[in-house]
Every structure is written in structure tokens, then in C-alpha cells.
Amino acid sequence: MSAAQIFNRIGQLGLGIALAGGVVNSALYNVDGGHRAVIFDRFTGVKGQVSGEGTHFFVPWVQRPIIFDVRSRPRNVPVITGSKDLQNVNITLRILFRPMPDELPKIYTILGQDYEERVLPSITTEVLKAVVAQFDAGELITQRDLVSQRVSNDLTERAAQFGVILDDISITHLTFGREFTQAVELKQVAQQDAEKARFLVEKAEQTKKATIVSAEGDAQAAIMLAKAFGDAGEGLVELRRIEAAEDIAYQLSRSRQVAYLPTGQNLLLNVPTTPMA
């Protein structure tokens, strides 16, 4: 074999090694922590095996890895529905969801990688409408724990049918229509007016009772005075007259502009007189 042929063989062997190395390098894919992968094969479709975390091999051009995030992720789902007493209710659920790793081939085949967009809004609306319709507006507020528990149980069961796990479900927003809010405000005002009226009625009743008691006391005092007058004659009246006269005389004696003239005595007052014309 000539030198040219030897160099030609070496070149072909190097080219083959380089191509093989490129094929090996392109046939690897990594699955990060908290992720899983399914393989789509051009000839057999989606394979049932799920690849865990780490580095894996695949056949270039023939196979393609699809990576899924299997960690819990939050999603808010707003829903407008009606209560048992036909009140509009605006309610929002916050859901922590993740796919079942073993169900990923089925999820990708039926729903695709955006499975949450296809599943969560529809089943959340369905479950909320069914549960909220069992309670009236007042019960939705006073029995919120019971409502949340029923929603959680029903929604978890529905999501499991699609291979989705719900780690947590909570009601973060619950409001009613404007008409209901106005009705509640008017009811509160009416209750306050009723309380005020009841207070005024009770006050009037107490005033009435006090007046009756006072009148009864005055009547009893009058009876006792009449009895005393009957027993003592006019002596008590004369005593009260003397006491009153004594008090009047004392007050007059303290006044500088009043002169007291005893009865039965003639006193001359130094009163200036003017000659008559």
C-alpha cells in the first residue's frame, strides 16, 4: 500500500471518528431538578417511559425529548357565578398544581404541554358553579370554611381525572354584586334605625314609669299631710306661717333700703317738704 493510500485511510478514519463523536454529543439531553421528560419518536409516537433527573440518550432526528416541570406552581382562577338566592358572586381561587409524573405521556398526548390552560379554568368554573349554588349569599360568608372544603374535595377529584395534582386550594377573593352590597347597607341602616326607635320607646317607658312613681309619691305625701292636718288642726299651718314671716323679716332687716316701723308708734320722718304754690 502506498503512502498516499495510507494517508487517505487515516483521513477517512478520522472523519468517521469525528462524525461519531458529533452524533454521540448530539444524542444527549439533560433533565434538571424538579423536571421530567417524555420521548416523542417519529416512528412509534410518544413513549410510555418517563425520564427522571440527569443526563439521558436519544436518537437524533428520530426522537425528541419533551421536558415538563413537575414542581408545584400557583395559578389564580377568577369565576363569576350565582348563589342559591340568585346573587352574583365574584370568587377567585388560588391553586397550587403539578402534574403526576407517571401520567406525563398521557398528558402530552391528550392535552399537550400547556395542559393547565386547557384543564384548570374549565374544571374550576364547573366546580365553583356547582358548589356556590348550594349556599345563599349570607352562608357564603358565615360558612366560608365549609364552602372551601367542598370546593377543594370536588376540584381535587376532577383534576385527578386529567393527571393533575392540586396541593392547595384557597379562596382569595369573594365579593357580591352592587345590588346586593346596597341591600346590605340599607339593611344595616334599617337595623340602626330600629335600634334607635327601640331605645326611644324604652326611654319613653322609663320616663312614664318615673312620672307615675313621682305622682304616686306626691299623692301619698298629700294624704299624709291631710292626715297630719286632721290630727294637729291648724297648728301646723300657723307654725309654717310664723316660720315664713320670720324668714321674711330676717331678709328685710339685712337690706339697707328698708326701714322697719313698729306698730302703734308715731314717728316723725325727716322728709323734705316743698311749699305749695
C-alpha atoms as a PDB file:
ATOM      1  CA  MET A   1       0.000   0.000   0.000  1.00  0.00           C
ATOM      2  CA  SER A   2       1.391   3.339  -0.981  1.00  0.00           C
ATOM      3  CA  ALA A   3       1.831   6.268   1.332  1.00  0.00           C
ATOM      4  CA  ALA A   4      -0.989   8.139  -0.379  1.00  0.00           C
ATOM      5  CA  GLN A   5      -3.428   5.296   0.285  1.00  0.00           C
ATOM      6  CA  ILE A   6      -2.343   5.127   3.940  1.00  0.00           C
ATOM      7  CA  PHE A   7      -2.931   8.844   4.430  1.00  0.00           C
ATOM      8  CA  ASN A   8      -6.307   8.526   2.685  1.00  0.00           C
ATOM      9  CA  ARG A   9      -7.369   5.727   5.036  1.00  0.00           C
ATOM     10  CA  ILE A  10      -6.254   7.759   8.063  1.00  0.00           C
ATOM     11  CA  GLY A  11      -8.282  10.716   6.833  1.00  0.00           C
ATOM     12  CA  GLN A  12     -11.400   8.584   6.352  1.00  0.00           C
ATOM     13  CA  LEU A  13     -10.957   7.038   9.798  1.00  0.00           C
ATOM     14  CA  GLY A  14     -10.597  10.497  11.397  1.00  0.00           C
ATOM     15  CA  LEU A  15     -13.666  11.746   9.578  1.00  0.00           C
ATOM     16  CA  GLY A  16     -15.628   8.733  10.799  1.00  0.00           C
ATOM     17  CA  ILE A  17     -14.468   9.269  14.386  1.00  0.00           C
ATOM     18  CA  ALA A  18     -15.394  12.956  14.184  1.00  0.00           C
ATOM     19  CA  LEU A  19     -18.845  12.141  12.831  1.00  0.00           C
ATOM     20  CA  ALA A  20     -19.347   9.501  15.523  1.00  0.00           C
ATOM     21  CA  GLY A  21     -18.285  11.980  18.189  1.00  0.00           C
ATOM     22  CA  GLY A  22     -20.731  14.559  16.854  1.00  0.00           C
ATOM     23  CA  VAL A  23     -23.523  12.003  16.856  1.00  0.00           C
ATOM     24  CA  VAL A  24     -22.737  10.985  20.450  1.00  0.00           C
ATOM     25  CA  ASN A  25     -22.618  14.617  21.602  1.00  0.00           C
ATOM     26  CA  SER A  26     -25.940  15.467  19.942  1.00  0.00           C
ATOM     27  CA  ALA A  27     -27.656  12.357  21.384  1.00  0.00           C
ATOM     28  CA  LEU A  28     -27.533  13.578  24.985  1.00  0.00           C
ATOM     29  CA  TYR A  29     -30.084  15.693  26.865  1.00  0.00           C
ATOM     30  CA  ASN A  30     -30.298  16.840  30.464  1.00  0.00           C
ATOM     31  CA  VAL A  31     -33.289  16.821  32.824  1.00  0.00           C
ATOM     32  CA  ASP A  32     -32.933  19.412  35.582  1.00  0.00           C
ATOM     33  CA  GLY A  33     -34.121  19.058  39.160  1.00  0.00           C
ATOM     34  CA  GLY A  34     -37.884  19.187  39.559  1.00  0.00           C
ATOM     35  CA  HIS A  35     -38.436  18.211  35.898  1.00  0.00           C
ATOM     36  CA  ARG A  36     -39.313  15.084  33.942  1.00  0.00           C
ATOM     37  CA  ALA A  37     -39.046  14.215  30.265  1.00  0.00           C
ATOM     38  CA  VAL A  38     -41.004  12.112  27.807  1.00  0.00           C
ATOM     39  CA  ILE A  39     -39.670  10.993  24.422  1.00  0.00           C
ATOM     40  CA  PHE A  40     -41.504  11.516  21.162  1.00  0.00           C
ATOM     41  CA  ASP A  41     -40.468   9.009  18.478  1.00  0.00           C
ATOM     42  CA  ARG A  42     -41.177   9.738  14.822  1.00  0.00           C
ATOM     43  CA  PHE A  43     -41.987   6.096  14.157  1.00  0.00           C
ATOM     44  CA  THR A  44     -43.701   4.901  17.366  1.00  0.00           C
ATOM     45  CA  GLY A  45     -45.121   8.131  18.813  1.00  0.00           C
ATOM     46  CA  VAL A  46     -44.903   9.159  22.485  1.00  0.00           C
ATOM     47  CA  LYS A  47     -43.107   6.539  24.522  1.00  0.00           C
ATOM     48  CA  GLY A  48     -44.587   5.448  27.846  1.00  0.00           C
ATOM     49  CA  GLN A  49     -41.318   5.745  29.728  1.00  0.00           C
ATOM     50  CA  VAL A  50     -40.688   8.903  31.785  1.00  0.00           C
ATOM     51  CA  SER A  51     -37.100  10.087  32.186  1.00  0.00           C
ATOM     52  CA  GLY A  52     -36.064  11.415  35.589  1.00  0.00           C
ATOM     53  CA  GLU A  53     -33.400  13.934  36.534  1.00  0.00           C
ATOM     54  CA  GLY A  54     -29.988  13.564  34.965  1.00  0.00           C
ATOM     55  CA  THR A  55     -28.423  13.034  31.508  1.00  0.00           C
ATOM     56  CA  HIS A  56     -30.059  10.669  29.002  1.00  0.00           C
ATOM     57  CA  PHE A  57     -29.539   9.430  25.440  1.00  0.00           C
ATOM     58  CA  PHE A  58     -31.857   9.796  22.481  1.00  0.00           C
ATOM     59  CA  VAL A  59     -31.655   9.112  18.763  1.00  0.00           C
ATOM     60  CA  PRO A  60     -31.201  12.375  16.865  1.00  0.00           C
ATOM     61  CA  TRP A  61     -33.839  13.287  14.272  1.00  0.00           C
ATOM     62  CA  VAL A  62     -35.835  10.175  15.175  1.00  0.00           C
ATOM     63  CA  GLN A  63     -36.516  11.063  18.798  1.00  0.00           C
ATOM     64  CA  ARG A  64     -37.203  14.346  20.592  1.00  0.00           C
ATOM     65  CA  PRO A  65     -37.343  14.928  24.394  1.00  0.00           C
ATOM     66  CA  ILE A  66     -40.223  16.988  25.874  1.00  0.00           C
ATOM     67  CA  ILE A  67     -39.402  18.483  29.270  1.00  0.00           C
ATOM     68  CA  PHE A  68     -42.117  19.006  31.918  1.00  0.00           C
ATOM     69  CA  ASP A  69     -41.917  20.961  35.176  1.00  0.00           C
ATOM     70  CA  VAL A  70     -43.308  18.736  37.943  1.00  0.00           C
ATOM     71  CA  ARG A  71     -42.923  21.283  40.755  1.00  0.00           C
ATOM     72  CA  SER A  72     -45.949  22.970  42.322  1.00  0.00           C
ATOM     73  CA  ARG A  73     -46.928  26.168  40.575  1.00  0.00           C
ATOM     74  CA  PRO A  74     -49.584  28.751  41.527  1.00  0.00           C
ATOM     75  CA  ARG A  75     -52.487  29.881  39.395  1.00  0.00           C
ATOM     76  CA  ASN A  76     -55.366  32.273  40.084  1.00  0.00           C
ATOM     77  CA  VAL A  77     -58.705  31.409  38.511  1.00  0.00           C
ATOM     78  CA  PRO A  78     -61.477  34.074  38.709  1.00  0.00           C
ATOM     79  CA  VAL A  79     -65.076  32.933  38.288  1.00  0.00           C
ATOM     80  CA  ILE A  80     -68.404  34.790  38.231  1.00  0.00           C
ATOM     81  CA  THR A  81     -71.301  32.619  39.364  1.00  0.00           C
ATOM     82  CA  GLY A  82     -74.637  32.750  41.197  1.00  0.00           C
ATOM     83  CA  SER A  83     -75.633  31.854  44.743  1.00  0.00           C
ATOM     84  CA  LYS A  84     -78.675  29.945  45.936  1.00  0.00           C
ATOM     85  CA  ASP A  85     -80.623  33.192  46.406  1.00  0.00           C
ATOM     86  CA  LEU A  86     -79.705  34.336  42.863  1.00  0.00           C
ATOM     87  CA  GLN A  87     -76.984  36.817  43.863  1.00  0.00           C
ATOM     88  CA  ASN A  88     -73.991  37.426  41.594  1.00  0.00           C
ATOM     89  CA  VAL A  89     -70.773  36.234  43.235  1.00  0.00           C
ATOM     90  CA  ASN A  90     -67.233  37.137  42.131  1.00  0.00           C
ATOM     91  CA  ILE A  91     -64.901  34.479  43.500  1.00  0.00           C
ATOM     92  CA  THR A  92     -61.211  33.791  42.869  1.00  0.00           C
ATOM     93  CA  LEU A  93     -59.359  30.573  43.660  1.00  0.00           C
ATOM     94  CA  ARG A  94     -55.603  30.289  44.123  1.00  0.00           C
ATOM     95  CA  ILE A  95     -54.461  26.802  43.163  1.00  0.00           C
ATOM     96  CA  LEU A  96     -51.088  25.083  43.600  1.00  0.00           C
ATOM     97  CA  PHE A  97     -50.905  22.377  40.937  1.00  0.00           C
ATOM     98  CA  ARG A  98     -48.419  19.921  39.432  1.00  0.00           C
ATOM     99  CA  PRO A  99     -48.678  17.010  37.011  1.00  0.00           C
ATOM    100  CA  MET A 100     -48.466  13.375  38.027  1.00  0.00           C
ATOM    101  CA  PRO A 101     -45.057  12.195  36.729  1.00  0.00           C
ATOM    102  CA  ASP A 102     -46.356   8.775  35.651  1.00  0.00           C
ATOM    103  CA  GLU A 103     -49.183  10.420  33.686  1.00  0.00           C
ATOM    104  CA  LEU A 104     -46.938  12.716  31.637  1.00  0.00           C
ATOM    105  CA  PRO A 105     -47.093  10.628  28.409  1.00  0.00           C
ATOM    106  CA  LYS A 106     -50.888  10.633  28.587  1.00  0.00           C
ATOM    107  CA  ILE A 107     -50.982  14.342  29.443  1.00  0.00           C
ATOM    108  CA  TYR A 108     -48.749  15.229  26.485  1.00  0.00           C
ATOM    109  CA  THR A 109     -50.714  13.008  24.113  1.00  0.00           C
ATOM    110  CA  ILE A 110     -54.158  14.307  25.102  1.00  0.00           C
ATOM    111  CA  LEU A 111     -53.582  17.843  26.401  1.00  0.00           C
ATOM    112  CA  GLY A 112     -50.093  18.982  25.393  1.00  0.00           C
ATOM    113  CA  GLN A 113     -47.514  20.922  27.353  1.00  0.00           C
ATOM    114  CA  ASP A 114     -49.993  23.725  28.177  1.00  0.00           C
ATOM    115  CA  TYR A 115     -52.296  21.290  29.956  1.00  0.00           C
ATOM    116  CA  GLU A 116     -53.048  23.749  32.781  1.00  0.00           C
ATOM    117  CA  GLU A 117     -54.552  26.235  30.323  1.00  0.00           C
ATOM    118  CA  ARG A 118     -56.867  23.536  28.982  1.00  0.00           C
ATOM    119  CA  VAL A 119     -57.878  21.937  32.293  1.00  0.00           C
ATOM    120  CA  LEU A 120     -57.808  24.296  35.275  1.00  0.00           C
ATOM    121  CA  PRO A 121     -60.121  27.130  34.093  1.00  0.00           C
ATOM    122  CA  SER A 122     -62.827  24.729  32.892  1.00  0.00           C
ATOM    123  CA  ILE A 123     -62.949  22.395  35.884  1.00  0.00           C
ATOM    124  CA  THR A 124     -62.617  25.284  38.358  1.00  0.00           C
ATOM    125  CA  THR A 125     -65.586  27.080  36.809  1.00  0.00           C
ATOM    126  CA  GLU A 126     -67.632  23.883  36.778  1.00  0.00           C
ATOM    127  CA  VAL A 127     -66.923  23.000  40.426  1.00  0.00           C
ATOM    128  CA  LEU A 128     -67.419  26.540  41.738  1.00  0.00           C
ATOM    129  CA  LYS A 129     -70.763  26.963  39.998  1.00  0.00           C
ATOM    130  CA  ALA A 130     -71.960  23.632  41.412  1.00  0.00           C
ATOM    131  CA  VAL A 131     -70.820  24.335  44.985  1.00  0.00           C
ATOM    132  CA  VAL A 132     -71.731  28.032  45.272  1.00  0.00           C
ATOM    133  CA  ALA A 133     -75.257  27.306  44.021  1.00  0.00           C
ATOM    134  CA  GLN A 134     -75.846  25.262  47.199  1.00  0.00           C
ATOM    135  CA  PHE A 135     -75.404  28.302  49.506  1.00  0.00           C
ATOM    136  CA  ASP A 136     -77.076  31.669  49.740  1.00  0.00           C
ATOM    137  CA  ALA A 137     -75.084  34.907  49.962  1.00  0.00           C
ATOM    138  CA  GLY A 138     -75.082  35.038  53.746  1.00  0.00           C
ATOM    139  CA  GLU A 139     -73.946  31.423  54.108  1.00  0.00           C
ATOM    140  CA  LEU A 140     -71.042  32.017  51.711  1.00  0.00           C
ATOM    141  CA  ILE A 141     -69.679  34.478  54.281  1.00  0.00           C
ATOM    142  CA  THR A 142     -70.579  32.742  57.542  1.00  0.00           C
ATOM    143  CA  GLN A 143     -69.756  29.209  56.307  1.00  0.00           C
ATOM    144  CA  ARG A 144     -66.688  30.011  54.237  1.00  0.00           C
ATOM    145  CA  ASP A 145     -64.695  27.087  55.660  1.00  0.00           C
ATOM    146  CA  LEU A 146     -67.373  24.616  54.586  1.00  0.00           C
ATOM    147  CA  VAL A 147     -67.549  26.143  51.108  1.00  0.00           C
ATOM    148  CA  SER A 148     -63.763  26.000  50.750  1.00  0.00           C
ATOM    149  CA  GLN A 149     -63.682  22.355  51.892  1.00  0.00           C
ATOM    150  CA  ARG A 150     -66.332  21.260  49.383  1.00  0.00           C
ATOM    151  CA  VAL A 151     -64.618  23.127  46.563  1.00  0.00           C
ATOM    152  CA  SER A 152     -61.273  21.547  47.486  1.00  0.00           C
ATOM    153  CA  ASN A 153     -62.661  17.999  47.594  1.00  0.00           C
ATOM    154  CA  ASP A 154     -64.597  18.253  44.336  1.00  0.00           C
ATOM    155  CA  LEU A 155     -61.865  20.077  42.447  1.00  0.00           C
ATOM    156  CA  THR A 156     -59.135  17.658  43.581  1.00  0.00           C
ATOM    157  CA  GLU A 157     -61.237  14.725  42.380  1.00  0.00           C
ATOM    158  CA  ARG A 158     -61.896  16.342  38.989  1.00  0.00           C
ATOM    159  CA  ALA A 159     -58.234  17.308  38.456  1.00  0.00           C
ATOM    160  CA  ALA A 160     -57.050  13.766  39.212  1.00  0.00           C
ATOM    161  CA  GLN A 161     -59.011  12.566  36.171  1.00  0.00           C
ATOM    162  CA  PHE A 162     -56.640  14.587  33.989  1.00  0.00           C
ATOM    163  CA  GLY A 163     -53.460  13.535  35.815  1.00  0.00           C
ATOM    164  CA  VAL A 164     -53.101  16.797  37.748  1.00  0.00           C
ATOM    165  CA  ILE A 165     -52.380  17.017  41.490  1.00  0.00           C
ATOM    166  CA  LEU A 166     -53.717  20.017  43.455  1.00  0.00           C
ATOM    167  CA  ASP A 167     -51.544  20.623  46.528  1.00  0.00           C
ATOM    168  CA  ASP A 168     -53.535  23.572  47.876  1.00  0.00           C
ATOM    169  CA  ILE A 169     -56.806  25.347  47.084  1.00  0.00           C
ATOM    170  CA  SER A 170     -57.846  28.579  48.783  1.00  0.00           C
ATOM    171  CA  ILE A 171     -60.478  31.256  48.250  1.00  0.00           C
ATOM    172  CA  THR A 172     -58.614  34.561  47.997  1.00  0.00           C
ATOM    173  CA  HIS A 173     -61.406  36.836  46.759  1.00  0.00           C
ATOM    174  CA  LEU A 174     -65.151  36.784  47.432  1.00  0.00           C
ATOM    175  CA  THR A 175     -67.428  39.709  46.612  1.00  0.00           C
ATOM    176  CA  PHE A 176     -71.036  40.187  45.595  1.00  0.00           C
ATOM    177  CA  GLY A 177     -72.858  42.332  43.060  1.00  0.00           C
ATOM    178  CA  ARG A 178     -73.546  46.023  43.569  1.00  0.00           C
ATOM    179  CA  GLU A 179     -77.252  45.439  44.181  1.00  0.00           C
ATOM    180  CA  PHE A 180     -76.536  43.001  47.000  1.00  0.00           C
ATOM    181  CA  THR A 181     -73.981  45.361  48.562  1.00  0.00           C
ATOM    182  CA  GLN A 182     -76.510  48.204  48.504  1.00  0.00           C
ATOM    183  CA  ALA A 183     -79.153  45.927  50.013  1.00  0.00           C
ATOM    184  CA  VAL A 184     -76.787  45.003  52.837  1.00  0.00           C
ATOM    185  CA  GLU A 185     -76.034  48.679  53.505  1.00  0.00           C
ATOM    186  CA  LEU A 186     -79.750  49.538  53.546  1.00  0.00           C
ATOM    187  CA  LYS A 187     -80.398  46.630  55.886  1.00  0.00           C
ATOM    188  CA  GLN A 188     -77.712  47.877  58.270  1.00  0.00           C
ATOM    189  CA  VAL A 189     -79.198  51.383  58.202  1.00  0.00           C
ATOM    190  CA  ALA A 190     -82.657  49.945  58.878  1.00  0.00           C
ATOM    191  CA  GLN A 191     -81.309  47.929  61.798  1.00  0.00           C
ATOM    192  CA  GLN A 192     -79.658  51.037  63.245  1.00  0.00           C
ATOM    193  CA  ASP A 193     -82.919  52.981  62.875  1.00  0.00           C
ATOM    194  CA  ALA A 194     -84.813  50.143  64.542  1.00  0.00           C
ATOM    195  CA  GLU A 195     -82.341  50.127  67.436  1.00  0.00           C
ATOM    196  CA  LYS A 196     -82.709  53.895  67.793  1.00  0.00           C
ATOM    197  CA  ALA A 197     -86.511  53.631  67.780  1.00  0.00           C
ATOM    198  CA  ARG A 198     -86.384  50.829  70.352  1.00  0.00           C
ATOM    199  CA  PHE A 199     -84.146  52.982  72.572  1.00  0.00           C
ATOM    200  CA  LEU A 200     -86.573  55.915  72.313  1.00  0.00           C
ATOM    201  CA  VAL A 201     -89.506  53.644  73.191  1.00  0.00           C
ATOM    202  CA  GLU A 202     -87.635  52.262  76.202  1.00  0.00           C
ATOM    203  CA  LYS A 203     -86.712  55.803  77.268  1.00  0.00           C
ATOM    204  CA  ALA A 204     -90.336  56.873  76.996  1.00  0.00           C
ATOM    205  CA  GLU A 205     -91.398  53.851  79.031  1.00  0.00           C
ATOM    206  CA  GLN A 206     -88.864  54.685  81.742  1.00  0.00           C
ATOM    207  CA  THR A 207     -89.981  58.342  81.760  1.00  0.00           C
ATOM    208  CA  LYS A 208     -93.591  57.211  82.054  1.00  0.00           C
ATOM    209  CA  LYS A 209     -92.751  54.929  84.964  1.00  0.00           C
ATOM    210  CA  ALA A 210     -90.789  57.719  86.686  1.00  0.00           C
ATOM    211  CA  THR A 211     -93.734  60.112  86.258  1.00  0.00           C
ATOM    212  CA  ILE A 212     -96.136  57.548  87.693  1.00  0.00           C
ATOM    213  CA  VAL A 213     -93.852  56.898  90.656  1.00  0.00           C
ATOM    214  CA  SER A 214     -93.469  60.663  91.267  1.00  0.00           C
ATOM    215  CA  ALA A 215     -97.233  61.185  91.065  1.00  0.00           C
ATOM    216  CA  GLU A 216     -97.846  58.318  93.435  1.00  0.00           C
ATOM    217  CA  GLY A 217     -95.288  59.844  95.837  1.00  0.00           C
ATOM    218  CA  ASP A 218     -96.950  63.264  95.637  1.00  0.00           C
ATOM    219  CA  ALA A 219    -100.349  61.687  96.241  1.00  0.00           C
ATOM    220  CA  GLN A 220     -99.009  59.757  99.206  1.00  0.00           C
ATOM    221  CA  ALA A 221     -97.426  62.956 100.582  1.00  0.00           C
ATOM    222  CA  ALA A 222    -100.708  64.805 100.160  1.00  0.00           C
ATOM    223  CA  ILE A 223    -102.541  62.049 102.007  1.00  0.00           C
ATOM    224  CA  MET A 224    -100.018  62.167 104.828  1.00  0.00           C
ATOM    225  CA  LEU A 225    -100.270  65.978 105.028  1.00  0.00           C
ATOM    226  CA  ALA A 226    -104.039  65.813 105.098  1.00  0.00           C
ATOM    227  CA  LYS A 227    -103.881  63.267 107.870  1.00  0.00           C
ATOM    228  CA  ALA A 228    -101.415  65.430 109.774  1.00  0.00           C
ATOM    229  CA  PHE A 229    -103.673  68.473 109.389  1.00  0.00           C
ATOM    230  CA  GLY A 230    -106.583  66.427 110.582  1.00  0.00           C
ATOM    231  CA  ASP A 231    -104.698  65.267 113.648  1.00  0.00           C
ATOM    232  CA  ALA A 232    -102.994  68.581 114.577  1.00  0.00           C
ATOM    233  CA  GLY A 233    -105.633  71.036 113.358  1.00  0.00           C
ATOM    234  CA  GLU A 234    -104.441  74.444 112.115  1.00  0.00           C
ATOM    235  CA  GLY A 235    -101.424  74.482 114.401  1.00  0.00           C
ATOM    236  CA  LEU A 236     -99.076  73.201 111.710  1.00  0.00           C
ATOM    237  CA  VAL A 237    -100.273  75.833 109.236  1.00  0.00           C
ATOM    238  CA  GLU A 238     -99.798  78.576 111.822  1.00  0.00           C
ATOM    239  CA  LEU A 239     -96.290  77.272 112.558  1.00  0.00           C
ATOM    240  CA  ARG A 240     -95.378  77.357 108.867  1.00  0.00           C
ATOM    241  CA  ARG A 241     -96.766  80.951 108.641  1.00  0.00           C
ATOM    242  CA  ILE A 242     -94.680  82.094 111.603  1.00  0.00           C
ATOM    243  CA  GLU A 243     -91.561  80.487 110.153  1.00  0.00           C
ATOM    244  CA  ALA A 244     -92.181  82.167 106.791  1.00  0.00           C
ATOM    245  CA  ALA A 245     -92.746  85.562 108.454  1.00  0.00           C
ATOM    246  CA  GLU A 246     -89.560  85.167 110.467  1.00  0.00           C
ATOM    247  CA  ASP A 247     -87.568  84.390 107.337  1.00  0.00           C
ATOM    248  CA  ILE A 248     -89.052  87.399 105.513  1.00  0.00           C
ATOM    249  CA  ALA A 249     -88.275  89.708 108.421  1.00  0.00           C
ATOM    250  CA  TYR A 250     -84.696  88.467 108.559  1.00  0.00           C
ATOM    251  CA  GLN A 251     -84.203  89.123 104.824  1.00  0.00           C
ATOM    252  CA  LEU A 252     -85.721  92.604 105.082  1.00  0.00           C
ATOM    253  CA  SER A 253     -83.573  93.530 108.084  1.00  0.00           C
ATOM    254  CA  ARG A 254     -80.436  92.919 106.104  1.00  0.00           C
ATOM    255  CA  SER A 255     -81.491  95.332 103.351  1.00  0.00           C
ATOM    256  CA  ARG A 256     -80.227  98.956 103.677  1.00  0.00           C
ATOM    257  CA  GLN A 257     -83.109 100.465 101.747  1.00  0.00           C
ATOM    258  CA  VAL A 258     -85.852  99.160 104.044  1.00  0.00           C
ATOM    259  CA  ALA A 259     -86.859 100.816 107.353  1.00  0.00           C
ATOM    260  CA  TYR A 260     -88.935  98.920 109.855  1.00  0.00           C
ATOM    261  CA  LEU A 261     -91.611 100.934 111.747  1.00  0.00           C
ATOM    262  CA  PRO A 262     -93.117  99.286 114.828  1.00  0.00           C
ATOM    263  CA  THR A 263     -96.900  99.197 115.010  1.00  0.00           C
ATOM    264  CA  GLY A 264     -98.736 101.685 117.259  1.00  0.00           C
ATOM    265  CA  GLN A 265     -95.945 104.252 117.473  1.00  0.00           C
ATOM    266  CA  ASN A 266     -95.901 107.734 115.897  1.00  0.00           C
ATOM    267  CA  LEU A 267     -92.512 108.538 114.459  1.00  0.00           C
ATOM    268  CA  LEU A 268     -91.599 111.647 112.509  1.00  0.00           C
ATOM    269  CA  LEU A 269     -89.563 111.086 109.455  1.00  0.00           C
ATOM    270  CA  ASN A 270     -87.181 113.789 108.234  1.00  0.00           C
ATOM    271  CA  VAL A 271     -88.930 114.084 104.911  1.00  0.00           C
ATOM    272  CA  PRO A 272     -88.223 117.274 102.983  1.00  0.00           C
ATOM    273  CA  THR A 273     -91.342 119.208 102.072  1.00  0.00           C
ATOM    274  CA  THR A 274     -91.880 121.721  99.302  1.00  0.00           C
ATOM    275  CA  PRO A 275     -94.098 124.774  99.726  1.00  0.00           C
ATOM    276  CA  MET A 276     -97.326 124.639  97.867  1.00  0.00           C
ATOM    277  CA  ALA A 277     -97.731 127.172  95.187  1.00  0.00           C
END
